C-alpha atoms as a PDB file:
ATOM      1  CA  MET A   1      69.795  30.988 -43.637  1.00  0.00           C
ATOM      2  CA  SER A   2      66.971  31.898 -41.323  1.00  0.00           C
ATOM      3  CA  LEU A   3      64.193  29.671 -40.021  1.00  0.00           C
ATOM      4  CA  PRO A   4      60.520  30.879 -40.392  1.00  0.00           C
ATOM      5  CA  ASP A   5      58.775  32.278 -37.273  1.00  0.00           C
ATOM      6  CA  PRO A   6      56.549  29.534 -35.642  1.00  0.00           C
ATOM      7  CA  THR A   7      52.838  29.947 -35.885  1.00  0.00           C
ATOM      8  CA  PRO A   8      51.602  31.450 -32.649  1.00  0.00           C
ATOM      9  CA  PRO A   9      49.395  29.031 -30.635  1.00  0.00           C
ATOM     10  CA  ARG A  10      45.591  29.665 -30.810  1.00  0.00           C
ATOM     11  CA  LYS A  11      43.830  30.761 -27.697  1.00  0.00           C
ATOM     12  CA  LEU A  12      41.956  27.895 -26.042  1.00  0.00           C
ATOM     13  CA  SER A  13      38.098  28.269 -26.157  1.00  0.00           C
ATOM     14  CA  ARG A  14      36.522  28.872 -22.785  1.00  0.00           C
ATOM     15  CA  TRP A  15      33.124  27.274 -23.788  1.00  0.00           C
ATOM     16  CA  PRO A  16      34.057  23.908 -22.275  1.00  0.00           C
ATOM     17  CA  LEU A  17      34.664  25.746 -19.015  1.00  0.00           C
ATOM     18  CA  TYR A  18      31.671  28.122 -19.032  1.00  0.00           C
ATOM     19  CA  GLY A  19      29.276  26.267 -21.279  1.00  0.00           C
ATOM     20  CA  PRO A  20      27.876  23.876 -18.589  1.00  0.00           C
ATOM     21  CA  PHE A  21      27.182  26.743 -16.253  1.00  0.00           C
ATOM     22  CA  ALA A  22      25.517  28.728 -19.057  1.00  0.00           C
ATOM     23  CA  LEU A  23      23.300  25.756 -19.878  1.00  0.00           C
ATOM     24  CA  LEU A  24      22.464  25.169 -16.194  1.00  0.00           C
ATOM     25  CA  PHE A  25      21.572  28.822 -15.892  1.00  0.00           C
ATOM     26  CA  ILE A  26      19.244  28.693 -18.932  1.00  0.00           C
ATOM     27  CA  PHE A  27      17.715  25.487 -17.657  1.00  0.00           C
ATOM     28  CA  MET A  28      17.038  27.158 -14.243  1.00  0.00           C
ATOM     29  CA  ILE A  29      15.435  30.114 -15.851  1.00  0.00           C
ATOM     30  CA  GLY A  30      13.216  27.831 -17.933  1.00  0.00           C
ATOM     31  CA  TRP A  31      12.349  25.615 -15.052  1.00  0.00           C
ATOM     32  CA  SER A  32      11.514  28.628 -12.903  1.00  0.00           C
ATOM     33  CA  ALA A  33       9.168  29.816 -15.637  1.00  0.00           C
ATOM     34  CA  VAL A  34       7.451  26.375 -15.783  1.00  0.00           C
ATOM     35  CA  TRP A  35       7.102  26.323 -11.941  1.00  0.00           C
ATOM     36  CA  ILE A  36       5.609  29.866 -11.931  1.00  0.00           C
ATOM     37  CA  TRP A  37       3.128  28.786 -14.642  1.00  0.00           C
ATOM     38  CA  ALA A  38       2.256  25.542 -12.734  1.00  0.00           C
ATOM     39  CA  ARG A  39       1.725  27.679  -9.515  1.00  0.00           C
ATOM     40  CA  GLY A  40      -0.631  29.959 -11.360  1.00  0.00           C
ATOM     41  CA  GLU A  41      -2.501  27.030 -12.898  1.00  0.00           C
ATOM     42  CA  ALA A  42      -2.972  25.439  -9.468  1.00  0.00           C
ATOM     43  CA  VAL A  43      -4.338  28.635  -8.011  1.00  0.00           C
ATOM     44  CA  ARG A  44      -6.638  29.077 -10.991  1.00  0.00           C
ATOM     45  CA  ARG A  45      -7.978  25.552 -10.678  1.00  0.00           C
ATOM     46  CA  ILE A  46      -8.514  25.994  -6.989  1.00  0.00           C
ATOM     47  CA  ASP A  47     -10.394  29.247  -7.514  1.00  0.00           C
ATOM     48  CA  ALA A  48     -12.477  27.581 -10.310  1.00  0.00           C
ATOM     49  CA  GLY A  49     -13.274  24.587  -8.220  1.00  0.00           C
ATOM     50  CA  ALA A  50     -14.298  26.828  -5.309  1.00  0.00           C
ATOM     51  CA  GLN A  51     -16.464  28.886  -7.468  1.00  0.00           C
ATOM     52  CA  GLY A  52     -18.198  25.795  -8.832  1.00  0.00           C
ATOM     53  CA  LEU A  53     -18.979  24.621  -5.353  1.00  0.00           C
ATOM     54  CA  ARG A  54     -20.314  27.951  -4.321  1.00  0.00           C
ATOM     55  CA  LYS A  55     -22.677  28.055  -7.348  1.00  0.00           C
ATOM     56  CA  ALA A  56     -23.896  24.559  -6.398  1.00  0.00           C
ATOM     57  CA  GLY A  57     -24.953  25.917  -3.005  1.00  0.00           C
ATOM     58  CA  TYR A  58     -21.873  25.030  -0.925  1.00  0.00           C
ATOM     59  CA  GLU A  59     -20.258  27.418   1.519  1.00  0.00           C
ATOM     60  CA  LEU A  60     -16.474  27.371   1.025  1.00  0.00           C
ATOM     61  CA  SER A  61     -14.001  29.807   2.642  1.00  0.00           C
ATOM     62  CA  TRP A  62     -10.468  30.059   4.063  1.00  0.00           C
ATOM     63  CA  ARG A  63      -8.654  32.775   5.962  1.00  0.00           C
ATOM     64  CA  GLU A  64      -5.393  32.561   4.051  1.00  0.00           C
ATOM     65  CA  ARG A  65      -3.858  30.626   1.177  1.00  0.00           C
ATOM     66  CA  VAL A  66      -0.107  30.106   0.549  1.00  0.00           C
ATOM     67  CA  VAL A  67       1.339  28.361  -2.483  1.00  0.00           C
ATOM     68  CA  GLY A  68       5.032  27.418  -2.467  1.00  0.00           C
ATOM     69  CA  GLY A  69       7.253  24.366  -2.878  1.00  0.00           C
ATOM     70  CA  TYR A  70       9.786  25.790  -5.523  1.00  0.00           C
ATOM     71  CA  PRO A  71      11.544  24.151  -7.306  1.00  0.00           C
ATOM     72  CA  PHE A  72      10.236  20.547  -7.444  1.00  0.00           C
ATOM     73  CA  ARG A  73       6.869  20.600  -5.622  1.00  0.00           C
ATOM     74  CA  LEU A  74       3.627  22.549  -5.372  1.00  0.00           C
ATOM     75  CA  ASN A  75       2.624  23.066  -1.775  1.00  0.00           C
ATOM     76  CA  VAL A  76      -0.689  24.591  -0.893  1.00  0.00           C
ATOM     77  CA  THR A  77      -1.584  25.565   2.623  1.00  0.00           C
ATOM     78  CA  LEU A  78      -4.999  26.679   3.579  1.00  0.00           C
ATOM     79  CA  THR A  79      -5.590  28.326   6.912  1.00  0.00           C
ATOM     80  CA  GLU A  80      -8.963  27.793   8.593  1.00  0.00           C
ATOM     81  CA  PRO A  81     -10.685  26.216   5.625  1.00  0.00           C
ATOM     82  CA  ARG A  82     -14.407  25.658   5.978  1.00  0.00           C
ATOM     83  CA  LEU A  83     -16.956  23.732   3.835  1.00  0.00           C
ATOM     84  CA  ARG A  84     -20.662  23.371   4.348  1.00  0.00           C
ATOM     85  CA  ASP A  85     -23.424  21.843   2.197  1.00  0.00           C
ATOM     86  CA  ARG A  86     -27.085  22.796   2.111  1.00  0.00           C
ATOM     87  CA  SER A  87     -28.182  19.788   4.376  1.00  0.00           C
ATOM     88  CA  GLY A  88     -25.928  21.002   7.206  1.00  0.00           C
ATOM     89  CA  TRP A  89     -22.952  18.561   6.759  1.00  0.00           C
ATOM     90  CA  GLY A  90     -19.652  20.393   7.022  1.00  0.00           C
ATOM     91  CA  LEU A  91     -15.803  20.002   7.306  1.00  0.00           C
ATOM     92  CA  GLU A  92     -13.309  22.455   8.714  1.00  0.00           C
ATOM     93  CA  ALA A  93      -9.772  22.394   9.972  1.00  0.00           C
ATOM     94  CA  PRO A  94      -7.121  24.700  11.489  1.00  0.00           C
ATOM     95  CA  THR A  95      -4.883  24.082   8.471  1.00  0.00           C
ATOM     96  CA  LEU A  96      -4.938  21.887   5.425  1.00  0.00           C
ATOM     97  CA  GLU A  97      -1.670  21.122   3.584  1.00  0.00           C
ATOM     98  CA  GLY A  98      -1.646  19.874  -0.013  1.00  0.00           C
ATOM     99  CA  GLN A  99       1.394  18.693  -1.951  1.00  0.00           C
ATOM    100  CA  ALA A 100       2.034  17.585  -5.487  1.00  0.00           C
ATOM    101  CA  PHE A 101       5.216  16.940  -7.369  1.00  0.00           C
ATOM    102  CA  MET A 102       5.984  18.868 -10.504  1.00  0.00           C
ATOM    103  CA  HIS A 103       6.248  15.568 -12.560  1.00  0.00           C
ATOM    104  CA  ALA A 104       2.763  14.564 -11.330  1.00  0.00           C
ATOM    105  CA  PRO A 105       0.754  17.746 -10.850  1.00  0.00           C
ATOM    106  CA  THR A 106      -2.617  15.940 -10.825  1.00  0.00           C
ATOM    107  CA  SER A 107      -1.710  13.607  -7.787  1.00  0.00           C
ATOM    108  CA  TRP A 108      -2.184  15.471  -4.538  1.00  0.00           C
ATOM    109  CA  ILE A 109      -1.443  14.427  -1.000  1.00  0.00           C
ATOM    110  CA  ILE A 110      -3.556  16.359   1.604  1.00  0.00           C
ATOM    111  CA  ALA A 111      -2.856  16.427   5.270  1.00  0.00           C
ATOM    112  CA  ALA A 112      -4.543  17.871   8.391  1.00  0.00           C
ATOM    113  CA  PRO A 113      -1.555  18.100  10.842  1.00  0.00           C
ATOM    114  CA  GLN A 114      -3.814  19.598  13.559  1.00  0.00           C
ATOM    115  CA  GLY A 115      -6.760  17.359  12.906  1.00  0.00           C
ATOM    116  CA  LEU A 116     -10.104  18.316  11.483  1.00  0.00           C
ATOM    117  CA  THR A 117     -13.801  18.753  12.463  1.00  0.00           C
ATOM    118  CA  PHE A 118     -16.805  17.302  10.670  1.00  0.00           C
ATOM    119  CA  VAL A 119     -20.176  18.776  11.347  1.00  0.00           C
ATOM    120  CA  ARG A 120     -23.427  16.721  11.439  1.00  0.00           C
ATOM    121  CA  PRO A 121     -26.668  18.473  10.569  1.00  0.00           C
ATOM    122  CA  VAL A 122     -28.402  17.184  13.747  1.00  0.00           C
ATOM    123  CA  GLY A 123     -25.610  15.823  16.039  1.00  0.00           C
ATOM    124  CA  GLY A 124     -23.238  18.856  15.890  1.00  0.00           C
ATOM    125  CA  PRO A 125     -19.426  19.089  15.433  1.00  0.00           C
ATOM    126  CA  VAL A 126     -16.969  16.230  16.099  1.00  0.00           C
ATOM    127  CA  ARG A 127     -13.400  16.917  16.431  1.00  0.00           C
ATOM    128  CA  VAL A 128     -10.970  14.306  14.935  1.00  0.00           C
ATOM    129  CA  GLN A 129      -7.268  14.099  15.857  1.00  0.00           C
ATOM    130  CA  GLY A 130      -4.657  11.415  15.530  1.00  0.00           C
ATOM    131  CA  ARG A 131      -1.072  10.476  14.625  1.00  0.00           C
ATOM    132  CA  LEU A 132      -1.962  10.543  10.970  1.00  0.00           C
ATOM    133  CA  VAL A 133      -4.841  12.371   9.242  1.00  0.00           C
ATOM    134  CA  ARG A 134      -4.290  12.536   5.546  1.00  0.00           C
ATOM    135  CA  ALA A 135      -5.933  11.876   2.113  1.00  0.00           C
ATOM    136  CA  SER A 136      -4.762  11.534  -1.553  1.00  0.00           C
ATOM    137  CA  LEU A 137      -6.664  12.839  -4.690  1.00  0.00           C
ATOM    138  CA  THR A 138      -5.506  11.556  -8.108  1.00  0.00           C
ATOM    139  CA  HIS A 139      -6.799  11.103 -11.695  1.00  0.00           C
ATOM    140  CA  LEU A 140      -8.617  14.471 -11.457  1.00  0.00           C
ATOM    141  CA  THR A 141      -9.965  14.286 -15.014  1.00  0.00           C
ATOM    142  CA  SER A 142     -11.787  10.908 -14.280  1.00  0.00           C
ATOM    143  CA  ALA A 143     -15.455  10.730 -13.083  1.00  0.00           C
ATOM    144  CA  PRO A 144     -15.066  10.277 -10.222  1.00  0.00           C
ATOM    145  CA  PRO A 145     -11.386  11.044  -9.347  1.00  0.00           C
ATOM    146  CA  SER A 146      -9.601   8.564  -7.155  1.00  0.00           C
ATOM    147  CA  PHE A 147      -9.834   9.480  -3.495  1.00  0.00           C
ATOM    148  CA  SER A 148      -8.295   7.810  -0.394  1.00  0.00           C
ATOM    149  CA  PHE A 149      -8.469   8.878   3.316  1.00  0.00           C
ATOM    150  CA  GLU A 150      -6.245   7.358   5.908  1.00  0.00           C
ATOM    151  CA  GLY A 151      -6.293   7.927   9.654  1.00  0.00           C
ATOM    152  CA  ALA A 152      -4.234   6.296  12.384  1.00  0.00           C
ATOM    153  CA  GLY A 153      -4.574   6.611  16.153  1.00  0.00           C
ATOM    154  CA  LEU A 154      -7.716   8.679  15.839  1.00  0.00           C
ATOM    155  CA  THR A 155      -9.819  10.196  18.580  1.00  0.00           C
ATOM    156  CA  PHE A 156     -13.389  11.463  18.172  1.00  0.00           C
ATOM    157  CA  GLN A 157     -14.476  14.253  20.527  1.00  0.00           C
ATOM    158  CA  PRO A 158     -17.949  15.923  20.216  1.00  0.00           C
ATOM    159  CA  ALA A 159     -18.021  19.671  20.802  1.00  0.00           C
ATOM    160  CA  ALA A 160     -19.655  21.067  23.738  1.00  0.00           C
ATOM    161  CA  GLY A 161     -23.407  20.576  23.628  1.00  0.00           C
ATOM    162  CA  ALA A 162     -23.099  18.245  20.488  1.00  0.00           C
ATOM    163  CA  ASN A 163     -24.595  14.672  20.604  1.00  0.00           C
ATOM    164  CA  LEU A 164     -22.193  11.751  21.222  1.00  0.00           C
ATOM    165  CA  PHE A 165     -20.538  10.122  18.180  1.00  0.00           C
ATOM    166  CA  GLY A 166     -20.551   6.297  17.925  1.00  0.00           C
ATOM    167  CA  LEU A 167     -16.789   6.022  18.271  1.00  0.00           C
ATOM    168  CA  SER A 168     -14.481   7.661  20.843  1.00  0.00           C
ATOM    169  CA  ALA A 169     -11.329   6.258  19.158  1.00  0.00           C
ATOM    170  CA  ALA A 170     -10.091   4.047  16.379  1.00  0.00           C
ATOM    171  CA  GLU A 171      -6.674   2.554  15.615  1.00  0.00           C
ATOM    172  CA  ARG A 172      -7.155   2.825  11.873  1.00  0.00           C
ATOM    173  CA  VAL A 173      -9.786   4.271   9.455  1.00  0.00           C
ATOM    174  CA  GLU A 174      -9.574   3.919   5.781  1.00  0.00           C
ATOM    175  CA  ILE A 175     -11.946   5.220   2.939  1.00  0.00           C
ATOM    176  CA  HIS A 176     -11.223   4.520  -0.723  1.00  0.00           C
ATOM    177  CA  LEU A 177     -13.056   5.498  -3.902  1.00  0.00           C
ATOM    178  CA  ARG A 178     -11.737   4.055  -7.175  1.00  0.00           C
ATOM    179  CA  ARG A 179     -13.021   4.094 -10.786  1.00  0.00           C
ATOM    180  CA  ALA A 180     -12.952   0.552 -12.222  1.00  0.00           C
ATOM    181  CA  PRO A 181     -10.626  -0.192 -15.329  1.00  0.00           C
ATOM    182  CA  ALA A 182     -12.277   0.403 -18.663  1.00  0.00           C
ATOM    183  CA  ALA A 183     -12.325  -3.372 -19.316  1.00  0.00           C
ATOM    184  CA  VAL A 184     -14.516  -3.909 -16.187  1.00  0.00           C
ATOM    185  CA  GLY A 185     -17.171  -1.275 -17.251  1.00  0.00           C
ATOM    186  CA  ASP A 186     -18.755   2.013 -16.075  1.00  0.00           C
ATOM    187  CA  GLU A 187     -18.139   1.236 -12.369  1.00  0.00           C
ATOM    188  CA  ALA A 188     -16.543   2.574  -9.247  1.00  0.00           C
ATOM    189  CA  GLY A 189     -15.793   0.816  -5.995  1.00  0.00           C
ATOM    190  CA  VAL A 190     -16.153   2.253  -2.502  1.00  0.00           C
ATOM    191  CA  TRP A 191     -14.272   0.602   0.490  1.00  0.00           C
ATOM    192  CA  VAL A 192     -14.609   1.660   4.123  1.00  0.00           C
ATOM    193  CA  SER A 193     -12.628   0.048   6.939  1.00  0.00           C
ATOM    194  CA  VAL A 194     -12.511   0.778  10.677  1.00  0.00           C
ATOM    195  CA  GLU A 195     -10.121  -1.221  12.794  1.00  0.00           C
ATOM    196  CA  GLY A 196      -9.715  -1.223  16.602  1.00  0.00           C
ATOM    197  CA  GLY A 197     -12.626   1.066  17.210  1.00  0.00           C
ATOM    198  CA  LYS A 198     -13.685   2.023  20.789  1.00  0.00           C
ATOM    199  CA  ALA A 199     -17.311   2.699  21.253  1.00  0.00           C
ATOM    200  CA  GLN A 200     -18.589   5.925  22.843  1.00  0.00           C
ATOM    201  CA  LEU A 201     -20.624   4.962  25.861  1.00  0.00           C
ATOM    202  CA  PRO A 202     -23.586   5.057  26.504  1.00  0.00           C
ATOM    203  CA  GLY A 203     -24.564   4.985  22.823  1.00  0.00           C
ATOM    204  CA  LEU A 204     -25.855   2.082  20.748  1.00  0.00           C
ATOM    205  CA  LEU A 205     -22.349   0.778  19.829  1.00  0.00           C
ATOM    206  CA  GLY A 206     -21.293   1.123  23.370  1.00  0.00           C
ATOM    207  CA  ARG A 207     -24.157  -1.078  24.547  1.00  0.00           C
ATOM    208  CA  LEU A 208     -23.263  -3.710  21.886  1.00  0.00           C
ATOM    209  CA  ALA A 209     -19.484  -3.646  22.263  1.00  0.00           C
ATOM    210  CA  ALA A 210     -19.351  -3.604  26.074  1.00  0.00           C
ATOM    211  CA  ASP A 211     -15.816  -2.199  26.089  1.00  0.00           C
ATOM    212  CA  LYS A 212     -14.660  -4.624  23.294  1.00  0.00           C
ATOM    213  CA  PRO A 213     -13.230  -3.489  19.983  1.00  0.00           C
ATOM    214  CA  VAL A 214     -15.504  -2.305  17.181  1.00  0.00           C
ATOM    215  CA  ALA A 215     -14.648  -3.046  13.539  1.00  0.00           C
ATOM    216  CA  LEU A 216     -16.402  -2.077  10.317  1.00  0.00           C
ATOM    217  CA  GLN A 217     -16.033  -3.272   6.717  1.00  0.00           C
ATOM    218  CA  TRP A 218     -18.073  -1.988   3.796  1.00  0.00           C
ATOM    219  CA  ASP A 219     -17.592  -2.989   0.146  1.00  0.00           C
ATOM    220  CA  MET A 220     -19.737  -1.384  -2.392  1.00  0.00           C
ATOM    221  CA  ARG A 221     -19.727  -1.209  -6.283  1.00  0.00           C
ATOM    222  CA  LEU A 222     -21.576   1.634  -8.003  1.00  0.00           C
ATOM    223  CA  SER A 223     -22.774   1.112 -11.586  1.00  0.00           C
ATOM    224  CA  LYS A 224     -23.299   3.860 -14.250  1.00  0.00           C
ATOM    225  CA  ILE A 225     -20.828   5.994 -12.448  1.00  0.00           C
ATOM    226  CA  SER A 226     -20.206   8.358 -15.375  1.00  0.00           C
ATOM    227  CA  ALA A 227     -23.861   9.546 -14.828  1.00  0.00           C
ATOM    228  CA  LEU A 228     -22.983  10.846 -11.306  1.00  0.00           C
ATOM    229  CA  ARG A 229     -22.587  14.386 -12.521  1.00  0.00           C
ATOM    230  CA  GLY A 230     -24.399  17.591 -11.518  1.00  0.00           C
ATOM    231  CA  SER A 231     -24.052  21.121 -10.171  1.00  0.00           C
ATOM    232  CA  SER A 232     -24.880  19.765  -6.672  1.00  0.00           C
ATOM    233  CA  TRP A 233     -24.881  16.470  -4.784  1.00  0.00           C
ATOM    234  CA  ALA A 234     -28.607  16.052  -5.072  1.00  0.00           C
ATOM    235  CA  GLU A 235     -28.631  16.764  -8.791  1.00  0.00           C
ATOM    236  CA  ALA A 236     -25.753  14.277  -9.347  1.00  0.00           C
ATOM    237  CA  VAL A 237     -27.463  11.549  -7.420  1.00  0.00           C
ATOM    238  CA  ARG A 238     -30.748  12.070  -9.234  1.00  0.00           C
ATOM    239  CA  ALA A 239     -29.078  11.902 -12.681  1.00  0.00           C
ATOM    240  CA  TRP A 240     -27.175   8.762 -11.504  1.00  0.00           C
ATOM    241  CA  SER A 241     -30.525   7.146 -10.399  1.00  0.00           C
ATOM    242  CA  ASP A 242     -32.344   8.224 -13.511  1.00  0.00           C
ATOM    243  CA  ALA A 243     -29.644   6.572 -15.572  1.00  0.00           C
ATOM    244  CA  GLY A 244     -30.336   3.285 -13.774  1.00  0.00           C
ATOM    245  CA  GLY A 245     -27.410   3.498 -11.361  1.00  0.00           C
ATOM    246  CA  VAL A 246     -27.431   0.922  -8.503  1.00  0.00           C
ATOM    247  CA  ALA A 247     -25.090   0.146  -5.651  1.00  0.00           C
ATOM    248  CA  ARG A 248     -24.272  -3.540  -5.210  1.00  0.00           C
ATOM    249  CA  VAL A 249     -22.950  -4.653  -1.770  1.00  0.00           C
ATOM    250  CA  PRO A 250     -21.134  -7.996  -2.032  1.00  0.00           C
ATOM    251  CA  ARG A 251     -20.056  -7.977   1.538  1.00  0.00           C
ATOM    252  CA  ALA A 252     -20.030  -5.806   4.666  1.00  0.00           C
ATOM    253  CA  GLY A 253     -19.978  -6.260   8.280  1.00  0.00           C
ATOM    254  CA  LEU A 254     -20.090  -4.480  11.764  1.00  0.00           C
ATOM    255  CA  THR A 255     -18.538  -6.263  14.756  1.00  0.00           C
ATOM    256  CA  ALA A 256     -19.128  -4.815  18.196  1.00  0.00           C
ATOM    257  CA  GLY A 257     -17.769  -7.088  20.851  1.00  0.00           C
ATOM    258  CA  ASP A 258     -19.514 -10.399  20.391  1.00  0.00           C
ATOM    259  CA  ALA A 259     -22.317  -9.006  18.300  1.00  0.00           C
ATOM    260  CA  LEU A 260     -22.133  -9.163  14.567  1.00  0.00           C
ATOM    261  CA  ILE A 261     -24.170  -7.616  11.753  1.00  0.00           C
ATOM    262  CA  GLY A 262     -22.999  -9.038   8.452  1.00  0.00           C
ATOM    263  CA  VAL A 263     -24.060  -8.330   4.887  1.00  0.00           C
ATOM    264  CA  THR A 264     -23.729 -11.269   2.430  1.00  0.00           C
ATOM    265  CA  GLY A 265     -25.210  -9.468  -0.589  1.00  0.00           C
ATOM    266  CA  GLY A 266     -27.603  -6.777  -1.630  1.00  0.00           C
ATOM    267  CA  GLU A 267     -28.519  -4.029  -4.026  1.00  0.00           C
ATOM    268  CA  LEU A 268     -29.403  -0.468  -3.261  1.00  0.00           C
ATOM    269  CA  GLY A 269     -30.677   2.561  -5.113  1.00  0.00           C
ATOM    270  CA  VAL A 270     -32.157   5.973  -4.337  1.00  0.00           C
ATOM    271  CA  ASP A 271     -35.875   6.772  -4.688  1.00  0.00           C
ATOM    272  CA  THR A 272     -37.367  10.093  -5.907  1.00  0.00           C
ATOM    273  CA  ASP A 273     -37.556  11.384  -2.316  1.00  0.00           C
ATOM    274  CA  GLY A 274     -33.806  11.072  -1.846  1.00  0.00           C
ATOM    275  CA  ARG A 275     -34.039   7.994   0.430  1.00  0.00           C
ATOM    276  CA  VAL A 276     -32.381   4.588   0.102  1.00  0.00           C
ATOM    277  CA  LYS A 277     -34.274   1.804  -1.603  1.00  0.00           C
ATOM    278  CA  GLY A 278     -33.428  -1.872  -2.070  1.00  0.00           C
ATOM    279  CA  ARG A 279     -32.425  -4.835  -0.001  1.00  0.00           C
ATOM    280  CA  LEU A 280     -29.585  -6.240   2.106  1.00  0.00           C
ATOM    281  CA  ASP A 281     -29.262  -9.864   3.206  1.00  0.00           C
ATOM    282  CA  LEU A 282     -28.199  -9.825   6.831  1.00  0.00           C
ATOM    283  CA  THR A 283     -26.466 -12.354   9.197  1.00  0.00           C
ATOM    284  CA  LEU A 284     -26.984 -11.441  12.864  1.00  0.00           C
ATOM    285  CA  ARG A 285     -25.115 -12.841  15.829  1.00  0.00           C
ATOM    286  CA  GLN A 286     -26.120 -12.036  19.361  1.00  0.00           C
ATOM    287  CA  ALA A 287     -29.289 -10.586  17.879  1.00  0.00           C
ATOM    288  CA  PRO A 288     -31.276 -10.447  21.111  1.00  0.00           C
ATOM    289  CA  ARG A 289     -28.647  -8.265  22.733  1.00  0.00           C
ATOM    290  CA  ALA A 290     -28.636  -6.020  19.608  1.00  0.00           C
ATOM    291  CA  PHE A 291     -32.386  -5.534  19.893  1.00  0.00           C
ATOM    292  CA  ASP A 292     -32.082  -4.692  23.580  1.00  0.00           C
ATOM    293  CA  ALA A 293     -29.571  -2.029  22.670  1.00  0.00           C
ATOM    294  CA  LEU A 294     -31.858  -0.584  19.862  1.00  0.00           C
ATOM    295  CA  GLU A 295     -34.773  -0.410  22.357  1.00  0.00           C
ATOM    296  CA  ALA A 296     -32.513   1.258  24.945  1.00  0.00           C
ATOM    297  CA  ALA A 297     -31.315   3.839  22.463  1.00  0.00           C
ATOM    298  CA  GLY A 298     -34.925   4.682  21.522  1.00  0.00           C
ATOM    299  CA  LEU A 299     -34.413   4.052  17.869  1.00  0.00           C
ATOM    300  CA  ALA A 300     -37.677   2.154  17.492  1.00  0.00           C
ATOM    301  CA  ALA A 301     -40.870   1.641  19.424  1.00  0.00           C
ATOM    302  CA  GLN A 302     -40.976  -1.344  21.836  1.00  0.00           C
ATOM    303  CA  PRO A 303     -43.623  -3.191  19.864  1.00  0.00           C
ATOM    304  CA  GLN A 304     -41.654  -2.966  16.696  1.00  0.00           C
ATOM    305  CA  ILE A 305     -38.449  -4.089  18.399  1.00  0.00           C
ATOM    306  CA  GLY A 306     -40.225  -7.055  19.942  1.00  0.00           C
ATOM    307  CA  ALA A 307     -41.809  -8.137  16.636  1.00  0.00           C
ATOM    308  CA  ALA A 308     -38.418  -7.885  14.865  1.00  0.00           C
ATOM    309  CA  ALA A 309     -36.681  -9.865  17.656  1.00  0.00           C
ATOM    310  CA  ALA A 310     -39.360 -12.551  17.281  1.00  0.00           C
ATOM    311  CA  VAL A 311     -38.694 -12.716  13.512  1.00  0.00           C
ATOM    312  CA  VAL A 312     -34.979 -13.073  14.046  1.00  0.00           C
ATOM    313  CA  ALA A 313     -35.304 -15.642  16.788  1.00  0.00           C
ATOM    314  CA  ALA A 314     -37.531 -17.810  14.497  1.00  0.00           C
ATOM    315  CA  ARG A 315     -34.693 -17.713  11.869  1.00  0.00           C
ATOM    316  CA  GLN A 316     -31.790 -18.353  14.324  1.00  0.00           C
ATOM    317  CA  GLY A 317     -29.852 -21.610  13.730  1.00  0.00           C
ATOM    318  CA  LYS A 318     -27.692 -23.809  15.965  1.00  0.00           C
ATOM    319  CA  ASP A 319     -24.698 -21.561  15.310  1.00  0.00           C
ATOM    320  CA  ASP A 320     -26.529 -18.634  17.108  1.00  0.00           C
ATOM    321  CA  VAL A 321     -26.633 -16.750  13.905  1.00  0.00           C
ATOM    322  CA  ALA A 322     -29.913 -15.601  12.221  1.00  0.00           C
ATOM    323  CA  ARG A 323     -30.372 -14.682   8.645  1.00  0.00           C
ATOM    324  CA  ALA A 324     -32.961 -12.136   7.483  1.00  0.00           C
ATOM    325  CA  PRO A 325     -33.463  -9.542   4.732  1.00  0.00           C
ATOM    326  CA  LEU A 326     -33.382  -5.785   5.478  1.00  0.00           C
ATOM    327  CA  TYR A 327     -35.621  -3.895   3.098  1.00  0.00           C
ATOM    328  CA  PHE A 328     -35.639  -0.114   2.194  1.00  0.00           C
ATOM    329  CA  GLU A 329     -38.964   0.595   0.536  1.00  0.00           C
ATOM    330  CA  ALA A 330     -41.633   3.331   0.456  1.00  0.00           C
ATOM    331  CA  GLY A 331     -39.320   5.410   2.717  1.00  0.00           C
ATOM    332  CA  ARG A 332     -39.158   2.884   5.493  1.00  0.00           C
ATOM    333  CA  THR A 333     -36.649   0.454   6.790  1.00  0.00           C
ATOM    334  CA  THR A 334     -38.116  -3.038   7.396  1.00  0.00           C
ATOM    335  CA  LEU A 335     -36.561  -6.232   8.854  1.00  0.00           C
ATOM    336  CA  GLY A 336     -38.529  -8.988   7.263  1.00  0.00           C
ATOM    337  CA  PRO A 337     -42.176  -7.864   7.490  1.00  0.00           C
ATOM    338  CA  ILE A 338     -41.488  -5.509  10.439  1.00  0.00           C
ATOM    339  CA  SER A 339     -41.245  -1.793   9.830  1.00  0.00           C
ATOM    340  CA  LEU A 340     -38.615  -0.216  12.123  1.00  0.00           C
ATOM    341  CA  TRP A 341     -37.781   3.397  11.069  1.00  0.00           C
ATOM    342  CA  PRO A 342     -37.456   5.825   8.083  1.00  0.00           C
ATOM    343  CA  ALA A 343     -35.098   4.687   5.414  1.00  0.00           C
ATOM    344  CA  PRO A 344     -31.652   6.599   5.409  1.00  0.00           C
ATOM    345  CA  ARG A 345     -31.677   9.780   3.299  1.00  0.00           C
ATOM    346  CA  VAL A 346     -29.044  10.272   0.684  1.00  0.00           C
ATOM    347  CA  TYR A 347     -29.904  13.959  -0.086  1.00  0.00           C
ATOM    348  CA  GLU A 348     -32.487  16.457   1.132  1.00  0.00           C
ATOM    349  CA  ARG A 349     -35.251  17.054  -1.350  1.00  0.00           C
ATOM    350  CA  ARG A 350     -35.729  20.784  -2.206  1.00  0.00           C
END
């Protein structure tokens, strides 16, 4: 009697061994395709935005653009970027570096590791350098998008032949633009903060500060913000103003040494000539010294300064603080009833 031959064992499947590597390889190919698409989309949007700015009358250029960051980021480096508007304001830098993560491609961090230069239409270029010079840009589909600038350990150096800038240094500078939640309404907020500033002598701030720190706080709320749209800055501001947009200033202040200019409230707009209109309620400490600095800086004629100083002195209380309204109307800036100088211009009328 013979026993049947045993069934030969089946060969073990190699899928458990090679399957994970195959899936990983497929995932890598798919992810690489997604990254290449995202890179192309970033380049397309940059080019479209640049073309839109050029059509609006801005000058925008760069010498070289490099896009990398594979596999989890998008890194954009612009060499010698340069931006100018029609009024003469400009911004340029040796390099600008932008970065966004693949899981959040509409949230960008932008840095200027070698500093940047802003150009004033009258005063000329000012070189800005520091330990930290960076910005963030998010919510790109909102109007306006969210923007933040942060600088630490900054120095401000006017170019050869340029006018002095108010500050020579600042420990910290922050600028924030945020759209309000839908529950609040069609608003946006603008916050500006300067801490530990050092005045550039012998300018107006230098005369006020007398080597003491300078600080600035500005809090502003813009209504009808969705109307701030247009092919140029002037067109956007006109559309916003025509829609009834106003800027409310609940609080603000400039401290230069012992002198203080505070804002306890106010509302501003833009007239048809592109100049600021409205009113700010001021508190002034060490006002006589401030008026002496204004006169020395040549910002207003002596009779006007003397009359404005008399108005403030008449309103000064025991706390050495005077309260007076500052008006912007008919293209002029007036303190109480005294006309001082032209109202600030928001855009140049063409």
